[in-house]
Amino acid sequence: MPRARQTATLVSHLTGLPIVATSGLLAEWRAPSIVLGRTAETYPPAYRAWRARRLASPSLRCEDGESLTDLHTRARHCAAFLHHTTQRHGPLLAVSHTLFLGVLTRLTEGPAAFVTAAMTSWQFAELRILTTHQRTATGPQRPAP
């Protein structure tokens, strides 16, 4: 979050747009500490096993990491928070990390959005709109009229 806050502060300074809220909901996916600072070649067996099962059992966590279901639930809550914030303040710019923003813009994919977001590149200045049907916090996802 510190880098995202720095980016938001710079954008605010350059554009004159206010920072109206910060939220832990926009934090990056919490990877298990057993992989922090490691490369894919050195991931421990427990993490490799989790990766092999994560889509079949998205509620599984690898040690102290966030499950795919936990991440998707947080993204849904974040979408509701952003929707509420836009109702109060108008259009906004959400600053976070690529993986989380990828999940946030793919809520209709469910927990599997993690994998899609991880494999999809996002250009630095790319704009992605959080549409109305993605803001739904619960229930089936339907396109807005």
N, C-alpha and C. Protein backbone atom coordinates (compact mmCIF):
# COMPACT_ATOMS: atom_id res chain seq x y z
N MET A 1 0.79 -1.20 0.00
CA MET A 1 0.00 0.00 0.00
C MET A 1 0.84 1.28 0.00
N PRO A 2 2.03 1.28 0.58
CA PRO A 2 2.80 2.54 0.57
C PRO A 2 3.07 3.06 -0.84
N ARG A 3 3.42 2.17 -1.78
CA ARG A 3 3.67 2.63 -3.16
C ARG A 3 2.39 3.14 -3.81
N ALA A 4 1.26 2.48 -3.55
CA ALA A 4 -0.01 2.93 -4.11
C ALA A 4 -0.37 4.31 -3.54
N ARG A 5 -0.12 4.51 -2.25
CA ARG A 5 -0.39 5.83 -1.65
C ARG A 5 0.51 6.90 -2.25
N GLN A 6 1.79 6.55 -2.50
CA GLN A 6 2.70 7.50 -3.14
C GLN A 6 2.20 7.87 -4.53
N THR A 7 1.75 6.87 -5.29
CA THR A 7 1.23 7.12 -6.63
C THR A 7 -0.01 8.02 -6.55
N ALA A 8 -0.92 7.70 -5.65
CA ALA A 8 -2.13 8.52 -5.50
C ALA A 8 -1.78 9.95 -5.14
N THR A 9 -0.81 10.14 -4.26
CA THR A 9 -0.39 11.48 -3.86
C THR A 9 0.18 12.24 -5.05
N LEU A 10 1.01 11.56 -5.87
CA LEU A 10 1.56 12.21 -7.05
C LEU A 10 0.47 12.60 -8.05
N VAL A 11 -0.46 11.69 -8.30
CA VAL A 11 -1.56 11.97 -9.22
C VAL A 11 -2.39 13.13 -8.68
N SER A 12 -2.66 13.13 -7.39
CA SER A 12 -3.43 14.20 -6.78
C SER A 12 -2.70 15.55 -6.95
N HIS A 13 -1.41 15.53 -6.71
CA HIS A 13 -0.61 16.76 -6.84
C HIS A 13 -0.60 17.26 -8.28
N LEU A 14 -0.43 16.36 -9.24
CA LEU A 14 -0.34 16.75 -10.64
C LEU A 14 -1.68 17.18 -11.24
N THR A 15 -2.77 16.60 -10.76
CA THR A 15 -4.08 16.87 -11.36
C THR A 15 -4.94 17.81 -10.54
N GLY A 16 -4.59 18.00 -9.29
CA GLY A 16 -5.43 18.79 -8.41
C GLY A 16 -6.62 18.03 -7.86
N LEU A 17 -6.73 16.74 -8.21
CA LEU A 17 -7.82 15.92 -7.70
C LEU A 17 -7.55 15.58 -6.24
N PRO A 18 -8.58 15.64 -5.41
CA PRO A 18 -8.37 15.32 -4.00
C PRO A 18 -8.29 13.81 -3.77
N ILE A 19 -7.61 13.43 -2.72
CA ILE A 19 -7.65 12.04 -2.26
C ILE A 19 -8.80 12.01 -1.25
N VAL A 20 -9.87 11.32 -1.61
CA VAL A 20 -11.06 11.35 -0.76
C VAL A 20 -11.10 10.21 0.24
N ALA A 21 -10.38 9.14 -0.02
CA ALA A 21 -10.41 8.02 0.91
C ALA A 21 -9.25 7.09 0.60
N THR A 22 -8.79 6.45 1.62
CA THR A 22 -7.86 5.34 1.43
C THR A 22 -8.50 4.14 2.11
N SER A 23 -8.23 2.98 1.59
CA SER A 23 -8.87 1.79 2.14
C SER A 23 -7.96 0.59 2.03
N GLY A 24 -7.91 -0.19 3.10
CA GLY A 24 -7.20 -1.46 3.08
C GLY A 24 -7.84 -2.45 2.12
N LEU A 25 -9.08 -2.16 1.69
CA LEU A 25 -9.73 -3.03 0.70
C LEU A 25 -8.94 -3.06 -0.60
N LEU A 26 -8.18 -2.01 -0.89
CA LEU A 26 -7.40 -1.92 -2.13
C LEU A 26 -6.00 -2.54 -2.01
N ALA A 27 -5.72 -3.18 -0.90
CA ALA A 27 -4.39 -3.79 -0.71
C ALA A 27 -4.18 -4.94 -1.70
N GLU A 28 -2.95 -5.20 -2.01
CA GLU A 28 -2.59 -6.30 -2.92
C GLU A 28 -2.94 -7.64 -2.28
N TRP A 29 -3.04 -8.67 -3.12
CA TRP A 29 -3.26 -10.03 -2.62
C TRP A 29 -2.17 -10.36 -1.60
N ARG A 30 -2.58 -10.94 -0.49
CA ARG A 30 -1.62 -11.30 0.57
C ARG A 30 -1.08 -12.70 0.29
N ALA A 31 0.10 -12.73 -0.29
CA ALA A 31 0.76 -14.00 -0.59
C ALA A 31 1.26 -14.62 0.72
N PRO A 32 1.35 -15.94 0.77
CA PRO A 32 1.90 -16.56 1.99
C PRO A 32 3.36 -16.15 2.19
N SER A 33 3.72 -15.94 3.43
CA SER A 33 5.08 -15.48 3.73
C SER A 33 6.15 -16.48 3.29
N ILE A 34 5.79 -17.74 3.10
CA ILE A 34 6.81 -18.73 2.69
C ILE A 34 7.31 -18.50 1.27
N VAL A 35 6.65 -17.62 0.49
CA VAL A 35 7.12 -17.37 -0.88
C VAL A 35 7.72 -15.98 -1.04
N LEU A 36 7.58 -15.14 -0.03
CA LEU A 36 8.09 -13.78 -0.15
C LEU A 36 9.61 -13.79 -0.35
N GLY A 37 10.05 -13.06 -1.35
CA GLY A 37 11.47 -12.98 -1.66
C GLY A 37 12.02 -14.16 -2.43
N ARG A 38 11.15 -15.08 -2.82
CA ARG A 38 11.58 -16.27 -3.57
C ARG A 38 11.20 -16.14 -5.04
N THR A 39 11.89 -16.88 -5.86
CA THR A 39 11.53 -17.00 -7.27
C THR A 39 10.72 -18.27 -7.45
N ALA A 40 10.03 -18.38 -8.57
CA ALA A 40 9.18 -19.55 -8.83
C ALA A 40 9.97 -20.86 -8.71
N GLU A 41 11.24 -20.83 -9.08
CA GLU A 41 12.06 -22.04 -9.03
C GLU A 41 12.34 -22.49 -7.60
N THR A 42 12.20 -21.58 -6.64
CA THR A 42 12.52 -21.93 -5.26
C THR A 42 11.29 -21.97 -4.35
N TYR A 43 10.09 -21.96 -4.93
CA TYR A 43 8.88 -22.06 -4.11
C TYR A 43 8.89 -23.38 -3.34
N PRO A 44 8.48 -23.36 -2.07
CA PRO A 44 8.45 -24.59 -1.27
C PRO A 44 7.33 -25.53 -1.73
N PRO A 45 7.44 -26.81 -1.42
CA PRO A 45 6.43 -27.80 -1.83
C PRO A 45 5.01 -27.45 -1.39
N ALA A 46 4.85 -26.89 -0.20
CA ALA A 46 3.49 -26.56 0.28
C ALA A 46 2.82 -25.54 -0.63
N TYR A 47 3.59 -24.57 -1.10
CA TYR A 47 3.03 -23.56 -2.00
C TYR A 47 2.73 -24.15 -3.37
N ARG A 48 3.63 -24.98 -3.86
CA ARG A 48 3.39 -25.64 -5.15
C ARG A 48 2.13 -26.50 -5.10
N ALA A 49 1.91 -27.19 -3.99
CA ALA A 49 0.72 -28.02 -3.83
C ALA A 49 -0.53 -27.14 -3.80
N TRP A 50 -0.46 -26.01 -3.10
CA TRP A 50 -1.59 -25.10 -3.05
C TRP A 50 -1.92 -24.58 -4.44
N ARG A 51 -0.90 -24.20 -5.19
CA ARG A 51 -1.13 -23.68 -6.56
C ARG A 51 -1.83 -24.71 -7.43
N ALA A 52 -1.49 -25.98 -7.24
CA ALA A 52 -2.10 -27.03 -8.05
C ALA A 52 -3.57 -27.23 -7.70
N ARG A 53 -3.97 -26.88 -6.47
CA ARG A 53 -5.35 -27.11 -6.02
C ARG A 53 -6.18 -25.85 -5.90
N ARG A 54 -5.60 -24.68 -6.07
CA ARG A 54 -6.28 -23.43 -5.75
C ARG A 54 -7.56 -23.18 -6.54
N LEU A 55 -7.62 -23.58 -7.80
CA LEU A 55 -8.85 -23.36 -8.57
C LEU A 55 -9.93 -24.37 -8.23
N ALA A 56 -9.55 -25.59 -7.96
CA ALA A 56 -10.52 -26.62 -7.58
C ALA A 56 -11.10 -26.36 -6.19
N SER A 57 -10.28 -25.76 -5.32
CA SER A 57 -10.71 -25.45 -3.94
C SER A 57 -10.30 -24.02 -3.61
N PRO A 58 -11.01 -23.02 -4.16
CA PRO A 58 -10.58 -21.64 -4.00
C PRO A 58 -10.61 -21.11 -2.56
N SER A 59 -11.25 -21.81 -1.64
CA SER A 59 -11.26 -21.37 -0.24
C SER A 59 -10.02 -21.81 0.52
N LEU A 60 -9.20 -22.68 -0.08
CA LEU A 60 -7.96 -23.12 0.57
C LEU A 60 -6.98 -21.97 0.70
N ARG A 61 -6.32 -21.93 1.83
CA ARG A 61 -5.24 -20.96 2.04
C ARG A 61 -3.93 -21.72 2.10
N CYS A 62 -2.89 -21.07 1.68
CA CYS A 62 -1.55 -21.61 1.88
C CYS A 62 -0.96 -20.86 3.07
N GLU A 63 -0.91 -21.54 4.18
CA GLU A 63 -0.39 -20.98 5.44
C GLU A 63 -1.04 -19.65 5.76
N ASP A 64 -0.26 -18.56 5.83
CA ASP A 64 -0.81 -17.26 6.23
C ASP A 64 -1.27 -16.40 5.05
N GLY A 65 -1.36 -16.99 3.86
CA GLY A 65 -1.78 -16.25 2.67
C GLY A 65 -3.29 -16.12 2.57
N GLU A 66 -3.71 -15.28 1.66
CA GLU A 66 -5.13 -15.05 1.40
C GLU A 66 -5.62 -16.05 0.36
N SER A 67 -6.73 -16.70 0.61
CA SER A 67 -7.29 -17.64 -0.37
C SER A 67 -7.87 -16.86 -1.54
N LEU A 68 -8.14 -17.56 -2.64
CA LEU A 68 -8.75 -16.91 -3.80
C LEU A 68 -10.16 -16.43 -3.46
N THR A 69 -10.87 -17.19 -2.64
CA THR A 69 -12.20 -16.78 -2.21
C THR A 69 -12.12 -15.52 -1.35
N ASP A 70 -11.16 -15.48 -0.42
CA ASP A 70 -10.98 -14.29 0.43
C ASP A 70 -10.69 -13.07 -0.43
N LEU A 71 -9.81 -13.22 -1.41
CA LEU A 71 -9.46 -12.11 -2.29
C LEU A 71 -10.67 -11.64 -3.09
N HIS A 72 -11.43 -12.58 -3.64
CA HIS A 72 -12.60 -12.21 -4.42
C HIS A 72 -13.64 -11.51 -3.55
N THR A 73 -13.85 -11.99 -2.34
CA THR A 73 -14.80 -11.36 -1.42
C THR A 73 -14.35 -9.94 -1.10
N ARG A 74 -13.08 -9.75 -0.85
CA ARG A 74 -12.56 -8.41 -0.56
C ARG A 74 -12.74 -7.50 -1.77
N ALA A 75 -12.51 -8.03 -2.98
CA ALA A 75 -12.69 -7.23 -4.20
C ALA A 75 -14.16 -6.82 -4.36
N ARG A 76 -15.08 -7.73 -4.03
CA ARG A 76 -16.51 -7.38 -4.10
C ARG A 76 -16.85 -6.27 -3.11
N HIS A 77 -16.31 -6.36 -1.92
CA HIS A 77 -16.55 -5.32 -0.91
C HIS A 77 -15.91 -4.00 -1.36
N CYS A 78 -14.75 -4.09 -1.98
CA CYS A 78 -14.08 -2.90 -2.49
C CYS A 78 -14.92 -2.25 -3.59
N ALA A 79 -15.50 -3.06 -4.48
CA ALA A 79 -16.36 -2.52 -5.54
C ALA A 79 -17.53 -1.76 -4.94
N ALA A 80 -18.13 -2.31 -3.88
CA ALA A 80 -19.24 -1.62 -3.22
C ALA A 80 -18.76 -0.31 -2.59
N PHE A 81 -17.58 -0.34 -1.97
CA PHE A 81 -16.99 0.87 -1.38
C PHE A 81 -16.75 1.92 -2.46
N LEU A 82 -16.18 1.51 -3.59
CA LEU A 82 -15.90 2.45 -4.67
C LEU A 82 -17.19 3.03 -5.25
N HIS A 83 -18.20 2.19 -5.40
CA HIS A 83 -19.49 2.65 -5.90
C HIS A 83 -20.07 3.70 -4.95
N HIS A 84 -20.04 3.43 -3.66
CA HIS A 84 -20.54 4.38 -2.67
C HIS A 84 -19.75 5.68 -2.73
N THR A 85 -18.44 5.58 -2.87
CA THR A 85 -17.58 6.77 -2.92
C THR A 85 -17.88 7.60 -4.16
N THR A 86 -18.11 6.96 -5.30
CA THR A 86 -18.43 7.73 -6.51
C THR A 86 -19.79 8.41 -6.38
N GLN A 87 -20.71 7.80 -5.67
CA GLN A 87 -22.01 8.45 -5.47
C GLN A 87 -21.86 9.72 -4.65
N ARG A 88 -20.92 9.72 -3.73
CA ARG A 88 -20.70 10.90 -2.87
C ARG A 88 -19.80 11.94 -3.51
N HIS A 89 -18.79 11.50 -4.31
CA HIS A 89 -17.76 12.43 -4.79
C HIS A 89 -17.65 12.52 -6.30
N GLY A 90 -18.37 11.69 -7.04
CA GLY A 90 -18.25 11.69 -8.49
C GLY A 90 -17.18 10.72 -8.94
N PRO A 91 -16.80 10.78 -10.23
CA PRO A 91 -15.79 9.85 -10.77
C PRO A 91 -14.51 9.86 -9.93
N LEU A 92 -13.87 8.70 -9.87
CA LEU A 92 -12.66 8.62 -9.07
C LEU A 92 -11.61 7.77 -9.75
N LEU A 93 -10.42 7.89 -9.25
CA LEU A 93 -9.29 7.08 -9.68
C LEU A 93 -8.92 6.19 -8.51
N ALA A 94 -8.97 4.87 -8.71
CA ALA A 94 -8.57 3.93 -7.67
C ALA A 94 -7.14 3.51 -7.95
N VAL A 95 -6.28 3.63 -6.96
CA VAL A 95 -4.87 3.27 -7.10
C VAL A 95 -4.61 2.05 -6.23
N SER A 96 -4.08 1.00 -6.85
CA SER A 96 -3.73 -0.22 -6.13
C SER A 96 -2.65 -0.93 -6.93
N HIS A 97 -2.62 -2.24 -6.80
CA HIS A 97 -1.64 -3.07 -7.50
C HIS A 97 -2.32 -3.79 -8.66
N THR A 98 -1.54 -4.16 -9.65
CA THR A 98 -2.05 -4.76 -10.87
C THR A 98 -2.92 -5.99 -10.60
N LEU A 99 -2.45 -6.91 -9.79
CA LEU A 99 -3.19 -8.14 -9.55
C LEU A 99 -4.55 -7.85 -8.92
N PHE A 100 -4.57 -7.02 -7.89
CA PHE A 100 -5.84 -6.71 -7.25
C PHE A 100 -6.78 -5.98 -8.19
N LEU A 101 -6.28 -5.00 -8.92
CA LEU A 101 -7.13 -4.27 -9.86
C LEU A 101 -7.66 -5.21 -10.95
N GLY A 102 -6.84 -6.19 -11.35
CA GLY A 102 -7.30 -7.17 -12.33
C GLY A 102 -8.46 -8.00 -11.79
N VAL A 103 -8.39 -8.41 -10.53
CA VAL A 103 -9.50 -9.15 -9.91
C VAL A 103 -10.72 -8.24 -9.79
N LEU A 104 -10.50 -7.01 -9.38
CA LEU A 104 -11.60 -6.06 -9.20
C LEU A 104 -12.36 -5.82 -10.51
N THR A 105 -11.66 -5.79 -11.63
CA THR A 105 -12.33 -5.55 -12.92
C THR A 105 -12.84 -6.82 -13.57
N ARG A 106 -12.68 -7.96 -12.88
CA ARG A 106 -13.16 -9.25 -13.40
C ARG A 106 -14.01 -9.98 -12.36
N LEU A 107 -14.78 -9.27 -11.60
CA LEU A 107 -15.56 -9.88 -10.52
C LEU A 107 -16.48 -10.99 -11.00
N THR A 108 -16.99 -10.87 -12.21
CA THR A 108 -17.92 -11.88 -12.71
C THR A 108 -17.26 -13.24 -12.90
N GLU A 109 -15.94 -13.29 -12.94
CA GLU A 109 -15.22 -14.56 -13.08
C GLU A 109 -15.14 -15.33 -11.76
N GLY A 110 -15.52 -14.70 -10.67
CA GLY A 110 -15.41 -15.35 -9.38
C GLY A 110 -13.96 -15.46 -8.93
N PRO A 111 -13.65 -16.36 -8.00
CA PRO A 111 -12.29 -16.51 -7.50
C PRO A 111 -11.25 -16.81 -8.59
N ALA A 112 -11.69 -17.39 -9.72
CA ALA A 112 -10.76 -17.69 -10.82
C ALA A 112 -10.21 -16.42 -11.46
N ALA A 113 -10.80 -15.27 -11.16
CA ALA A 113 -10.28 -14.00 -11.69
C ALA A 113 -8.82 -13.79 -11.30
N PHE A 114 -8.41 -14.38 -10.19
CA PHE A 114 -7.02 -14.27 -9.74
C PHE A 114 -6.07 -14.76 -10.83
N VAL A 115 -6.37 -15.91 -11.40
CA VAL A 115 -5.48 -16.51 -12.41
C VAL A 115 -5.48 -15.66 -13.67
N THR A 116 -6.66 -15.24 -14.12
CA THR A 116 -6.75 -14.39 -15.31
C THR A 116 -5.98 -13.10 -15.09
N ALA A 117 -6.18 -12.47 -13.95
CA ALA A 117 -5.50 -11.21 -13.65
C ALA A 117 -3.99 -11.39 -13.58
N ALA A 118 -3.53 -12.51 -13.05
CA ALA A 118 -2.10 -12.76 -12.94
C ALA A 118 -1.45 -12.96 -14.30
N MET A 119 -2.21 -13.46 -15.27
CA MET A 119 -1.65 -13.74 -16.59
C MET A 119 -1.87 -12.62 -17.60
N THR A 120 -2.64 -11.60 -17.25
CA THR A 120 -2.97 -10.53 -18.17
C THR A 120 -2.14 -9.30 -17.85
N SER A 121 -1.46 -8.79 -18.85
CA SER A 121 -0.65 -7.59 -18.61
C SER A 121 -1.56 -6.37 -18.54
N TRP A 122 -1.12 -5.40 -17.82
CA TRP A 122 -1.86 -4.16 -17.64
C TRP A 122 -0.85 -3.05 -17.86
N GLN A 123 -1.04 -2.27 -18.88
CA GLN A 123 -0.11 -1.19 -19.18
C GLN A 123 -0.19 -0.12 -18.11
N PHE A 124 0.90 0.57 -17.87
CA PHE A 124 1.01 1.52 -16.77
C PHE A 124 -0.15 2.53 -16.74
N ALA A 125 -0.45 3.15 -17.86
CA ALA A 125 -1.46 4.21 -17.87
C ALA A 125 -2.80 3.73 -18.42
N GLU A 126 -3.02 2.44 -18.44
CA GLU A 126 -4.27 1.90 -18.99
C GLU A 126 -5.45 2.23 -18.09
N LEU A 127 -6.54 2.61 -18.71
CA LEU A 127 -7.77 2.91 -17.99
C LEU A 127 -8.71 1.74 -18.11
N ARG A 128 -9.21 1.26 -16.99
CA ARG A 128 -10.24 0.23 -16.98
C ARG A 128 -11.38 0.73 -16.11
N ILE A 129 -12.56 0.61 -16.62
CA ILE A 129 -13.74 1.11 -15.94
C ILE A 129 -14.39 -0.02 -15.15
N LEU A 130 -14.75 0.26 -13.92
CA LEU A 130 -15.50 -0.67 -13.09
C LEU A 130 -16.96 -0.43 -13.42
N THR A 131 -17.56 -1.32 -14.19
CA THR A 131 -18.92 -1.11 -14.66
C THR A 131 -19.95 -1.48 -13.61
N THR A 132 -21.17 -1.06 -13.84
CA THR A 132 -22.25 -1.27 -12.87
C THR A 132 -22.43 -2.73 -12.51
N HIS A 133 -22.42 -3.63 -13.50
CA HIS A 133 -22.65 -5.05 -13.17
C HIS A 133 -21.51 -5.64 -12.38
N GLN A 134 -20.34 -5.03 -12.37
CA GLN A 134 -19.23 -5.53 -11.57
C GLN A 134 -19.31 -5.03 -10.14
N ARG A 135 -20.14 -4.05 -9.87
CA ARG A 135 -20.24 -3.48 -8.53
C ARG A 135 -21.12 -4.30 -7.62
N THR A 136 -21.88 -5.23 -8.16
CA THR A 136 -22.81 -6.02 -7.37
C THR A 136 -22.05 -6.78 -6.28
N ALA A 137 -22.50 -6.65 -5.06
CA ALA A 137 -21.78 -7.27 -3.94
C ALA A 137 -22.13 -8.74 -3.76
N THR A 138 -23.35 -9.14 -4.12
CA THR A 138 -23.74 -10.54 -3.94
C THR A 138 -24.65 -10.95 -5.07
N GLY A 139 -24.88 -12.22 -5.17
CA GLY A 139 -25.84 -12.75 -6.14
C GLY A 139 -25.27 -12.85 -7.54
N PRO A 140 -26.09 -13.33 -8.48
CA PRO A 140 -25.63 -13.51 -9.84
C PRO A 140 -25.26 -12.17 -10.46
N GLN A 141 -24.25 -12.19 -11.29
CA GLN A 141 -23.80 -10.99 -11.95
C GLN A 141 -24.52 -10.84 -13.28
N ARG A 142 -25.19 -9.71 -13.47
CA ARG A 142 -25.90 -9.45 -14.72
C ARG A 142 -25.46 -8.10 -15.25
N PRO A 143 -25.37 -7.97 -16.58
CA PRO A 143 -25.03 -6.65 -17.14
C PRO A 143 -26.10 -5.63 -16.80
N ALA A 144 -25.67 -4.41 -16.60
CA ALA A 144 -26.62 -3.33 -16.32
C ALA A 144 -27.39 -2.98 -17.58
N PRO A 145 -28.64 -2.50 -17.44
CA PRO A 145 -29.41 -2.10 -18.62
C PRO A 145 -28.81 -0.89 -19.28
